[in-house]
Structures are given as C-alpha cells and as structure tokens.
C-alpha cells in the first residue's frame, strides 16, 4: 500500500507497482480520486508537480486491504488450483446430452 504512509508523486507510485502501465495507473488513480479515496494535489510550479495521498476515507480501507492481501497470500495455492480447474473445463467441448 504505497500511499498508506505519505503522499507520493505519480512516478513513485508507478515504480512501486510492478508491471502497471502509465495509462492503467492514471485510470486507477482517477477512479480512486472520484470515489473520494485519493486526493490529488497539483502544485503551481514548473515543471508540474503532482502528488497523491489517501483521504481519511482511503485511510479507513488500509486495514481491510492489508488483510485481503494477507488472505490472498495464504490461499494462493488454492486460488491457482481453482483457476487451473476452471481453465481446463473451459477448454473442453460442450456436449449436449439428449
């Protein structure tokens, strides 16, 4: 949870999330800002300086998100097995019993 402790610039957030594209991060941050979870502050300097930080509402999600991440780590083998079973079933042809 990059924003849990302090505000960050866009590039700092991008570096902390492995493999995310600039477009996807922009869309996610806009959505979080729209939902009132993230505050975007633009400083009137050249070059532009923008920082993102959690709002009080965003901070209220910190513990549940951390708990969800821990749960996912504990159950990753079960999740992988469920995905493999689902994917294998999708590859089978559909038969109609008459």
PDB file of N, CA and C in Angstrom:
ATOM      1  N   UNK A   1       0.840  -1.174   0.000  1.00  0.00           N
ATOM      2  CA  UNK A   1       0.000   0.000   0.000  1.00  0.00           C
ATOM      3  C   UNK A   1       0.884   1.235   0.000  1.00  0.00           C
ATOM      4  N   UNK A   2       1.249   1.629  -1.175  1.00  0.00           N
ATOM      5  CA  UNK A   2       2.189   2.728  -1.346  1.00  0.00           C
ATOM      6  C   UNK A   2       1.745   4.016  -0.667  1.00  0.00           C
ATOM      7  N   UNK A   3       0.480   4.356  -0.772  1.00  0.00           N
ATOM      8  CA  UNK A   3       0.003   5.639  -0.253  1.00  0.00           C
ATOM      9  C   UNK A   3      -0.363   5.615   1.226  1.00  0.00           C
ATOM     10  N   UNK A   4      -0.227   4.488   1.882  1.00  0.00           N
ATOM     11  CA  UNK A   4      -0.666   4.370   3.275  1.00  0.00           C
ATOM     12  C   UNK A   4       0.111   5.284   4.223  1.00  0.00           C
ATOM     13  N   UNK A   5       1.381   5.516   3.944  1.00  0.00           N
ATOM     14  CA  UNK A   5       2.200   6.256   4.904  1.00  0.00           C
ATOM     15  C   UNK A   5       2.368   7.739   4.594  1.00  0.00           C
ATOM     16  N   UNK A   6       2.366   8.099   3.298  1.00  0.00           N
ATOM     17  CA  UNK A   6       2.593   9.503   2.938  1.00  0.00           C
ATOM     18  C   UNK A   6       2.158   9.731   1.496  1.00  0.00           C
ATOM     19  N   UNK A   7       2.210  10.986   1.059  1.00  0.00           N
ATOM     20  CA  UNK A   7       1.874  11.297  -0.330  1.00  0.00           C
ATOM     21  C   UNK A   7       3.039  10.898  -1.238  1.00  0.00           C
ATOM     22  N   UNK A   8       2.699  10.638  -2.501  1.00  0.00           N
ATOM     23  CA  UNK A   8       3.709  10.235  -3.482  1.00  0.00           C
ATOM     24  C   UNK A   8       3.427  10.886  -4.824  1.00  0.00           C
ATOM     25  N   UNK A   9       4.484  11.085  -5.580  1.00  0.00           N
ATOM     26  CA  UNK A   9       4.348  11.534  -6.960  1.00  0.00           C
ATOM     27  C   UNK A   9       3.976  10.335  -7.823  1.00  0.00           C
ATOM     28  N   UNK A  10       3.419  10.637  -9.002  1.00  0.00           N
ATOM     29  CA  UNK A  10       2.971   9.594  -9.921  1.00  0.00           C
ATOM     30  C   UNK A  10       4.091   8.595 -10.212  1.00  0.00           C
ATOM     31  N   UNK A  11       5.278   9.106 -10.515  1.00  0.00           N
ATOM     32  CA  UNK A  11       6.395   8.222 -10.874  1.00  0.00           C
ATOM     33  C   UNK A  11       6.789   7.300  -9.721  1.00  0.00           C
ATOM     34  N   UNK A  12       6.684   7.778  -8.495  1.00  0.00           N
ATOM     35  CA  UNK A  12       6.986   6.929  -7.334  1.00  0.00           C
ATOM     36  C   UNK A  12       5.973   5.792  -7.221  1.00  0.00           C
ATOM     37  N   UNK A  13       4.709   6.124  -7.442  1.00  0.00           N
ATOM     38  CA  UNK A  13       3.664   5.100  -7.370  1.00  0.00           C
ATOM     39  C   UNK A  13       3.883   4.075  -8.470  1.00  0.00           C
ATOM     40  N   UNK A  14       4.175   4.551  -9.678  1.00  0.00           N
ATOM     41  CA  UNK A  14       4.382   3.644 -10.818  1.00  0.00           C
ATOM     42  C   UNK A  14       5.544   2.692 -10.552  1.00  0.00           C
ATOM     43  N   UNK A  15       6.630   3.208  -9.997  1.00  0.00           N
ATOM     44  CA  UNK A  15       7.788   2.349  -9.697  1.00  0.00           C
ATOM     45  C   UNK A  15       7.463   1.291  -8.644  1.00  0.00           C
ATOM     46  N   UNK A  16       6.537   1.602  -7.752  1.00  0.00           N
ATOM     47  CA  UNK A  16       6.231   0.668  -6.666  1.00  0.00           C
ATOM     48  C   UNK A  16       5.263  -0.441  -7.081  1.00  0.00           C
ATOM     49  N   UNK A  17       4.622  -0.290  -8.252  1.00  0.00           N
ATOM     50  CA  UNK A  17       3.661  -1.291  -8.724  1.00  0.00           C
ATOM     51  C   UNK A  17       4.240  -1.949  -9.964  1.00  0.00           C
ATOM     52  N   UNK A  18       4.779  -3.115  -9.792  1.00  0.00           N
ATOM     53  CA  UNK A  18       5.475  -3.820 -10.859  1.00  0.00           C
ATOM     54  C   UNK A  18       4.545  -4.134 -12.028  1.00  0.00           C
ATOM     55  N   UNK A  19       4.939  -3.699 -13.224  1.00  0.00           N
ATOM     56  CA  UNK A  19       4.231  -4.084 -14.434  1.00  0.00           C
ATOM     57  C   UNK A  19       3.014  -3.256 -14.805  1.00  0.00           C
ATOM     58  N   UNK A  20       2.676  -2.231 -14.059  1.00  0.00           N
ATOM     59  CA  UNK A  20       1.492  -1.430 -14.400  1.00  0.00           C
ATOM     60  C   UNK A  20       1.868  -0.390 -15.461  1.00  0.00           C
ATOM     61  N   UNK A  21       0.987  -0.197 -16.424  1.00  0.00           N
ATOM     62  CA  UNK A  21       1.238   0.805 -17.455  1.00  0.00           C
ATOM     63  C   UNK A  21       0.859   2.189 -16.926  1.00  0.00           C
ATOM     64  N   UNK A  22       1.390   3.202 -17.577  1.00  0.00           N
ATOM     65  CA  UNK A  22       1.078   4.574 -17.178  1.00  0.00           C
ATOM     66  C   UNK A  22      -0.416   4.830 -17.333  1.00  0.00           C
ATOM     67  N   UNK A  23      -0.997   4.342 -18.425  1.00  0.00           N
ATOM     68  CA  UNK A  23      -2.431   4.554 -18.669  1.00  0.00           C
ATOM     69  C   UNK A  23      -3.281   3.893 -17.590  1.00  0.00           C
ATOM     70  N   UNK A  24      -2.960   2.643 -17.240  1.00  0.00           N
ATOM     71  CA  UNK A  24      -3.752   1.932 -16.239  1.00  0.00           C
ATOM     72  C   UNK A  24      -3.638   2.604 -14.874  1.00  0.00           C
ATOM     73  N   UNK A  25      -2.439   3.041 -14.514  1.00  0.00           N
ATOM     74  CA  UNK A  25      -2.269   3.729 -13.231  1.00  0.00           C
ATOM     75  C   UNK A  25      -3.058   5.038 -13.217  1.00  0.00           C
ATOM     76  N   UNK A  26      -3.016   5.774 -14.322  1.00  0.00           N
ATOM     77  CA  UNK A  26      -3.782   7.018 -14.415  1.00  0.00           C
ATOM     78  C   UNK A  26      -5.269   6.753 -14.227  1.00  0.00           C
ATOM     79  N   UNK A  27      -5.789   5.731 -14.905  1.00  0.00           N
ATOM     80  CA  UNK A  27      -7.209   5.392 -14.781  1.00  0.00           C
ATOM     81  C   UNK A  27      -7.565   4.979 -13.357  1.00  0.00           C
ATOM     82  N   UNK A  28      -6.701   4.187 -12.737  1.00  0.00           N
ATOM     83  CA  UNK A  28      -6.959   3.743 -11.360  1.00  0.00           C
ATOM     84  C   UNK A  28      -6.954   4.923 -10.389  1.00  0.00           C
ATOM     85  N   UNK A  29      -5.962   5.792 -10.513  1.00  0.00           N
ATOM     86  CA  UNK A  29      -5.886   6.948  -9.616  1.00  0.00           C
ATOM     87  C   UNK A  29      -7.081   7.877  -9.806  1.00  0.00           C
ATOM     88  N   UNK A  30      -7.513   8.070 -11.050  1.00  0.00           N
ATOM     89  CA  UNK A  30      -8.702   8.902 -11.296  1.00  0.00           C
ATOM     90  C   UNK A  30      -9.938   8.289 -10.651  1.00  0.00           C
ATOM     91  N   UNK A  31     -10.076   6.977 -10.781  1.00  0.00           N
ATOM     92  CA  UNK A  31     -11.216   6.302 -10.166  1.00  0.00           C
ATOM     93  C   UNK A  31     -11.196   6.417  -8.655  1.00  0.00           C
ATOM     94  N   UNK A  32     -10.024   6.243  -8.060  1.00  0.00           N
ATOM     95  CA  UNK A  32      -9.897   6.366  -6.608  1.00  0.00           C
ATOM     96  C   UNK A  32     -10.158   7.799  -6.150  1.00  0.00           C
ATOM     97  N   UNK A  33      -9.726   8.755  -6.963  1.00  0.00           N
ATOM     98  CA  UNK A  33      -9.987  10.166  -6.642  1.00  0.00           C
ATOM     99  C   UNK A  33     -11.487  10.446  -6.734  1.00  0.00           C
ATOM    100  N   UNK A  34     -12.117   9.931  -7.763  1.00  0.00           N
ATOM    101  CA  UNK A  34     -13.564  10.126  -7.940  1.00  0.00           C
ATOM    102  C   UNK A  34     -14.346   9.533  -6.774  1.00  0.00           C
ATOM    103  N   UNK A  35     -13.883   8.377  -6.276  1.00  0.00           N
ATOM    104  CA  UNK A  35     -14.558   7.705  -5.164  1.00  0.00           C
ATOM    105  C   UNK A  35     -14.257   8.338  -3.811  1.00  0.00           C
ATOM    106  N   UNK A  36     -13.369   9.326  -3.799  1.00  0.00           N
ATOM    107  CA  UNK A  36     -13.051  10.003  -2.548  1.00  0.00           C
ATOM    108  C   UNK A  36     -12.007   9.294  -1.709  1.00  0.00           C
ATOM    109  N   UNK A  37     -11.270   8.362  -2.321  1.00  0.00           N
ATOM    110  CA  UNK A  37     -10.266   7.604  -1.578  1.00  0.00           C
ATOM    111  C   UNK A  37      -8.873   8.218  -1.685  1.00  0.00           C
ATOM    112  N   UNK A  38      -8.636   8.956  -2.765  1.00  0.00           N
ATOM    113  CA  UNK A  38      -7.330   9.561  -3.020  1.00  0.00           C
ATOM    114  C   UNK A  38      -7.521  11.045  -3.315  1.00  0.00           C
ATOM    115  N   UNK A  39      -6.601  11.846  -2.798  1.00  0.00           N
ATOM    116  CA  UNK A  39      -6.595  13.283  -3.078  1.00  0.00           C
ATOM    117  C   UNK A  39      -5.413  13.580  -3.988  1.00  0.00           C
ATOM    118  N   UNK A  40      -5.676  14.330  -5.042  1.00  0.00           N
ATOM    119  CA  UNK A  40      -4.639  14.731  -5.999  1.00  0.00           C
ATOM    120  C   UNK A  40      -4.352  16.209  -5.777  1.00  0.00           C
ATOM    121  N   UNK A  41      -3.086  16.541  -5.513  1.00  0.00           N
ATOM    122  CA  UNK A  41      -2.692  17.928  -5.285  1.00  0.00           C
ATOM    123  C   UNK A  41      -1.733  18.358  -6.384  1.00  0.00           C
ATOM    124  N   UNK A  42      -2.093  19.433  -7.087  1.00  0.00           N
ATOM    125  CA  UNK A  42      -1.247  19.986  -8.144  1.00  0.00           C
ATOM    126  C   UNK A  42      -0.582  21.244  -7.602  1.00  0.00           C
ATOM    127  N   UNK A  43       0.742  21.275  -7.641  1.00  0.00           N
ATOM    128  CA  UNK A  43       1.494  22.438  -7.176  1.00  0.00           C
ATOM    129  C   UNK A  43       1.818  23.333  -8.377  1.00  0.00           C
ATOM    130  N   UNK A  44       1.573  24.636  -8.261  1.00  0.00           N
ATOM    131  CA  UNK A  44       1.768  25.551  -9.396  1.00  0.00           C
ATOM    132  C   UNK A  44       3.237  25.915  -9.609  1.00  0.00           C
ATOM    133  N   UNK A  45       3.999  24.940 -10.064  1.00  0.00           N
ATOM    134  CA  UNK A  45       5.420  25.156 -10.330  1.00  0.00           C
ATOM    135  C   UNK A  45       5.742  24.613 -11.719  1.00  0.00           C
ATOM    136  N   UNK A  46       6.904  24.988 -12.225  1.00  0.00           N
ATOM    137  CA  UNK A  46       7.391  24.468 -13.497  1.00  0.00           C
ATOM    138  C   UNK A  46       8.682  23.732 -13.208  1.00  0.00           C
ATOM    139  N   UNK A  47       8.797  22.472 -13.586  1.00  0.00           N
ATOM    140  CA  UNK A  47       7.784  21.634 -14.237  1.00  0.00           C
ATOM    141  C   UNK A  47       6.660  21.280 -13.259  1.00  0.00           C
ATOM    142  N   UNK A  48       5.525  20.814 -13.798  1.00  0.00           N
ATOM    143  CA  UNK A  48       4.382  20.483 -12.936  1.00  0.00           C
ATOM    144  C   UNK A  48       4.754  19.466 -11.855  1.00  0.00           C
ATOM    145  N   UNK A  49       4.184  19.662 -10.699  1.00  0.00           N
ATOM    146  CA  UNK A  49       4.429  18.767  -9.564  1.00  0.00           C
ATOM    147  C   UNK A  49       3.064  18.345  -9.025  1.00  0.00           C
ATOM    148  N   UNK A  50       2.788  17.039  -9.086  1.00  0.00           N
ATOM    149  CA  UNK A  50       1.504  16.497  -8.636  1.00  0.00           C
ATOM    150  C   UNK A  50       1.785  15.407  -7.617  1.00  0.00           C
ATOM    151  N   UNK A  51       1.041  15.417  -6.525  1.00  0.00           N
ATOM    152  CA  UNK A  51       1.169  14.368  -5.513  1.00  0.00           C
ATOM    153  C   UNK A  51      -0.193  13.762  -5.226  1.00  0.00           C
ATOM    154  N   UNK A  52      -0.163  12.498  -4.854  1.00  0.00           N
ATOM    155  CA  UNK A  52      -1.369  11.758  -4.496  1.00  0.00           C
ATOM    156  C   UNK A  52      -1.233  11.282  -3.064  1.00  0.00           C
ATOM    157  N   UNK A  53      -2.343  11.354  -2.320  1.00  0.00           N
ATOM    158  CA  UNK A  53      -2.350  10.856  -0.949  1.00  0.00           C
ATOM    159  C   UNK A  53      -3.731  10.303  -0.626  1.00  0.00           C
ATOM    160  N   UNK A  54      -3.772   9.426   0.356  1.00  0.00           N
ATOM    161  CA  UNK A  54      -5.056   8.889   0.785  1.00  0.00           C
ATOM    162  C   UNK A  54      -5.843   9.944   1.544  1.00  0.00           C
ATOM    163  N   UNK A  55      -7.135   9.945   1.343  1.00  0.00           N
ATOM    164  CA  UNK A  55      -8.039  10.783   2.129  1.00  0.00           C
ATOM    165  C   UNK A  55      -8.355  10.023   3.419  1.00  0.00           C
ATOM    166  N   UNK A  56      -9.050  10.640   4.358  1.00  0.00           N
ATOM    167  CA  UNK A  56      -9.477   9.883   5.543  1.00  0.00           C
ATOM    168  C   UNK A  56     -10.296   8.638   5.173  1.00  0.00           C
ATOM    169  N   UNK A  57     -11.144   8.761   4.152  1.00  0.00           N
ATOM    170  CA  UNK A  57     -11.906   7.599   3.696  1.00  0.00           C
ATOM    171  C   UNK A  57     -10.974   6.520   3.153  1.00  0.00           C
ATOM    172  N   UNK A  58      -9.961   6.930   2.406  1.00  0.00           N
ATOM    173  CA  UNK A  58      -8.975   5.982   1.888  1.00  0.00           C
ATOM    174  C   UNK A  58      -8.195   5.304   3.003  1.00  0.00           C
ATOM    175  N   UNK A  59      -7.816   6.089   4.018  1.00  0.00           N
ATOM    176  CA  UNK A  59      -7.101   5.503   5.163  1.00  0.00           C
ATOM    177  C   UNK A  59      -7.961   4.467   5.883  1.00  0.00           C
ATOM    178  N   UNK A  60      -9.274   4.661   5.872  1.00  0.00           N
ATOM    179  CA  UNK A  60     -10.145   3.697   6.559  1.00  0.00           C
ATOM    180  C   UNK A  60     -10.133   2.331   5.882  1.00  0.00           C
ATOM    181  N   UNK A  61      -9.647   2.261   4.647  1.00  0.00           N
ATOM    182  CA  UNK A  61      -9.554   0.980   3.931  1.00  0.00           C
ATOM    183  C   UNK A  61      -8.204   0.289   4.102  1.00  0.00           C
ATOM    184  N   UNK A  62      -7.255   0.936   4.736  1.00  0.00           N
ATOM    185  CA  UNK A  62      -5.908   0.378   4.848  1.00  0.00           C
ATOM    186  C   UNK A  62      -5.909  -1.002   5.494  1.00  0.00           C
ATOM    187  N   UNK A  63      -6.510  -1.133   6.661  1.00  0.00           N
ATOM    188  CA  UNK A  63      -6.514  -2.435   7.349  1.00  0.00           C
ATOM    189  C   UNK A  63      -7.236  -3.513   6.558  1.00  0.00           C
ATOM    190  N   UNK A  64      -8.444  -3.249   6.027  1.00  0.00           N
ATOM    191  CA  UNK A  64      -9.106  -4.298   5.239  1.00  0.00           C
ATOM    192  C   UNK A  64      -8.309  -4.717   3.998  1.00  0.00           C
ATOM    193  N   UNK A  65      -7.659  -3.773   3.327  1.00  0.00           N
ATOM    194  CA  UNK A  65      -6.880  -4.117   2.137  1.00  0.00           C
ATOM    195  C   UNK A  65      -5.662  -4.954   2.520  1.00  0.00           C
ATOM    196  N   UNK A  66      -5.007  -4.603   3.606  1.00  0.00           N
ATOM    197  CA  UNK A  66      -3.863  -5.397   4.076  1.00  0.00           C
ATOM    198  C   UNK A  66      -4.327  -6.800   4.442  1.00  0.00           C
ATOM    199  N   UNK A  67      -5.458  -6.908   5.130  1.00  0.00           N
ATOM    200  CA  UNK A  67      -5.998  -8.225   5.494  1.00  0.00           C
ATOM    201  C   UNK A  67      -6.329  -9.042   4.253  1.00  0.00           C
ATOM    202  N   UNK A  68      -6.896  -8.409   3.239  1.00  0.00           N
ATOM    203  CA  UNK A  68      -7.211  -9.116   1.994  1.00  0.00           C
ATOM    204  C   UNK A  68      -5.938  -9.611   1.314  1.00  0.00           C
ATOM    205  N   UNK A  69      -4.900  -8.787   1.299  1.00  0.00           N
ATOM    206  CA  UNK A  69      -3.621  -9.198   0.721  1.00  0.00           C
ATOM    207  C   UNK A  69      -3.014 -10.379   1.458  1.00  0.00           C
ATOM    208  N   UNK A  70      -3.089 -10.365   2.785  1.00  0.00           N
ATOM    209  CA  UNK A  70      -2.569 -11.485   3.575  1.00  0.00           C
ATOM    210  C   UNK A  70      -3.370 -12.752   3.300  1.00  0.00           C
ATOM    211  N   UNK A  71      -4.692 -12.622   3.214  1.00  0.00           N
ATOM    212  CA  UNK A  71      -5.549 -13.774   2.906  1.00  0.00           C
ATOM    213  C   UNK A  71      -5.170 -14.355   1.548  1.00  0.00           C
ATOM    214  N   UNK A  72      -4.974 -13.488   0.559  1.00  0.00           N
ATOM    215  CA  UNK A  72      -4.626 -13.949  -0.790  1.00  0.00           C
ATOM    216  C   UNK A  72      -3.287 -14.686  -0.785  1.00  0.00           C
ATOM    217  N   UNK A  73      -2.318 -14.183  -0.034  1.00  0.00           N
ATOM    218  CA  UNK A  73      -1.020 -14.856   0.045  1.00  0.00           C
ATOM    219  C   UNK A  73      -1.148 -16.229   0.696  1.00  0.00           C
ATOM    220  N   UNK A  74      -1.977 -16.332   1.720  1.00  0.00           N
ATOM    221  CA  UNK A  74      -2.163 -17.609   2.412  1.00  0.00           C
ATOM    222  C   UNK A  74      -2.886 -18.631   1.539  1.00  0.00           C
ATOM    223  N   UNK A  75      -3.724 -18.167   0.622  1.00  0.00           N
ATOM    224  CA  UNK A  75      -4.559 -19.065  -0.173  1.00  0.00           C
ATOM    225  C   UNK A  75      -4.177 -19.108  -1.646  1.00  0.00           C
ATOM    226  N   UNK A  76      -2.978 -18.649  -1.991  1.00  0.00           N
ATOM    227  CA  UNK A  76      -2.591 -18.570  -3.397  1.00  0.00           C
ATOM    228  C   UNK A  76      -2.599 -19.941  -4.072  1.00  0.00           C
ATOM    229  N   UNK A  77      -2.202 -20.982  -3.360  1.00  0.00           N
ATOM    230  CA  UNK A  77      -2.203 -22.325  -3.961  1.00  0.00           C
ATOM    231  C   UNK A  77      -3.630 -22.757  -4.296  1.00  0.00           C
ATOM    232  N   UNK A  78      -4.567 -22.484  -3.397  1.00  0.00           N
ATOM    233  CA  UNK A  78      -5.973 -22.822  -3.654  1.00  0.00           C
ATOM    234  C   UNK A  78      -6.533 -22.012  -4.822  1.00  0.00           C
ATOM    235  N   UNK A  79      -6.163 -20.755  -4.887  1.00  0.00           N
ATOM    236  CA  UNK A  79      -6.630 -19.891  -5.974  1.00  0.00           C
ATOM    237  C   UNK A  79      -6.074 -20.384  -7.306  1.00  0.00           C
ATOM    238  N   UNK A  80      -4.778 -20.701  -7.333  1.00  0.00           N
ATOM    239  CA  UNK A  80      -4.167 -21.216  -8.563  1.00  0.00           C
ATOM    240  C   UNK A  80      -4.822 -22.517  -9.007  1.00  0.00           C
ATOM    241  N   UNK A  81      -5.114 -23.403  -8.055  1.00  0.00           N
ATOM    242  CA  UNK A  81      -5.761 -24.676  -8.390  1.00  0.00           C
ATOM    243  C   UNK A  81      -7.166 -24.444  -8.946  1.00  0.00           C
ATOM    244  N   UNK A  82      -7.903 -23.533  -8.348  1.00  0.00           N
ATOM    245  CA  UNK A  82      -9.253 -23.226  -8.834  1.00  0.00           C
ATOM    246  C   UNK A  82      -9.205 -22.634 -10.238  1.00  0.00           C
ATOM    247  N   UNK A  83      -8.248 -21.782 -10.494  1.00  0.00           N
ATOM    248  CA  UNK A  83      -8.108 -21.195 -11.831  1.00  0.00           C
ATOM    249  C   UNK A  83      -7.747 -22.254 -12.860  1.00  0.00           C
ATOM    250  N   UNK A  84      -6.832 -23.142 -12.493  1.00  0.00           N
ATOM    251  CA  UNK A  84      -6.432 -24.204 -13.420  1.00  0.00           C
ATOM    252  C   UNK A  84      -7.611 -25.114 -13.739  1.00  0.00           C
ATOM    253  N   UNK A  85      -8.394 -25.468 -12.730  1.00  0.00           N
ATOM    254  CA  UNK A  85      -9.565 -26.319 -12.953  1.00  0.00           C
ATOM    255  C   UNK A  85     -10.589 -25.606 -13.833  1.00  0.00           C
ATOM    256  N   UNK A  86     -10.810 -24.341 -13.588  1.00  0.00           N
ATOM    257  CA  UNK A  86     -11.754 -23.566 -14.396  1.00  0.00           C
ATOM    258  C   UNK A  86     -11.280 -23.492 -15.842  1.00  0.00           C
ATOM    259  N   UNK A  87      -9.996 -23.157 -16.030  1.00  0.00           N
ATOM    260  CA  UNK A  87      -9.449 -23.038 -17.382  1.00  0.00           C
ATOM    261  C   UNK A  87      -9.511 -24.364 -18.125  1.00  0.00           C
ATOM    262  N   UNK A  88      -9.227 -25.463 -17.433  1.00  0.00           N
ATOM    263  CA  UNK A  88      -9.285 -26.783 -18.065  1.00  0.00           C
ATOM    264  C   UNK A  88     -10.711 -27.108 -18.492  1.00  0.00           C
ATOM    265  N   UNK A  89     -11.674 -26.755 -17.675  1.00  0.00           N
ATOM    266  CA  UNK A  89     -13.074 -27.019 -18.012  1.00  0.00           C
ATOM    267  C   UNK A  89     -13.521 -26.178 -19.203  1.00  0.00           C
ATOM    268  N   UNK A  90     -12.966 -24.990 -19.348  1.00  0.00           N
ATOM    269  CA  UNK A  90     -13.336 -24.125 -20.470  1.00  0.00           C
ATOM    270  C   UNK A  90     -12.809 -24.658 -21.794  1.00  0.00           C
ATOM    271  N   UNK A  91     -11.721 -25.431 -21.750  1.00  0.00           N
ATOM    272  CA  UNK A  91     -11.123 -25.975 -22.967  1.00  0.00           C
ATOM    273  C   UNK A  91     -11.861 -27.198 -23.491  1.00  0.00           C
ATOM    274  N   UNK A  92     -12.706 -27.785 -22.665  1.00  0.00           N
ATOM    275  CA  UNK A  92     -13.437 -28.984 -23.082  1.00  0.00           C
ATOM    276  C   UNK A  92     -14.614 -28.585 -23.962  1.00  0.00           C
ATOM    277  N   UNK A  93     -14.877 -29.375 -25.007  1.00  0.00           N
ATOM    278  CA  UNK A  93     -16.039 -29.059 -25.845  1.00  0.00           C
ATOM    279  C   UNK A  93     -17.339 -29.281 -25.079  1.00  0.00           C
ATOM    280  N   UNK A  94     -18.312 -28.474 -25.391  1.00  0.00           N
ATOM    281  CA  UNK A  94     -19.626 -28.599 -24.758  1.00  0.00           C
ATOM    282  C   UNK A  94     -20.394 -29.699 -25.471  1.00  0.00           C
ATOM    283  N   UNK A  95     -20.928 -30.620 -24.684  1.00  0.00           N
ATOM    284  CA  UNK A  95     -21.733 -31.694 -25.274  1.00  0.00           C
ATOM    285  C   UNK A  95     -23.160 -31.564 -24.788  1.00  0.00           C
ATOM    286  N   UNK A  96     -24.075 -31.892 -25.666  1.00  0.00           N
ATOM    287  CA  UNK A  96     -25.492 -31.864 -25.313  1.00  0.00           C
ATOM    288  C   UNK A  96     -25.975 -33.292 -25.177  1.00  0.00           C
ATOM    289  N   UNK A  97     -26.425 -33.634 -23.997  1.00  0.00           N
ATOM    290  CA  UNK A  97     -26.975 -34.972 -23.782  1.00  0.00           C
ATOM    291  C   UNK A  97     -28.443 -34.952 -24.178  1.00  0.00           C
ATOM    292  N   UNK A  98     -28.835 -35.897 -25.024  1.00  0.00           N
ATOM    293  CA  UNK A  98     -30.241 -35.962 -25.432  1.00  0.00           C
ATOM    294  C   UNK A  98     -30.899 -37.188 -24.910  1.00  0.00           C
TER     295      UNK A  98
END
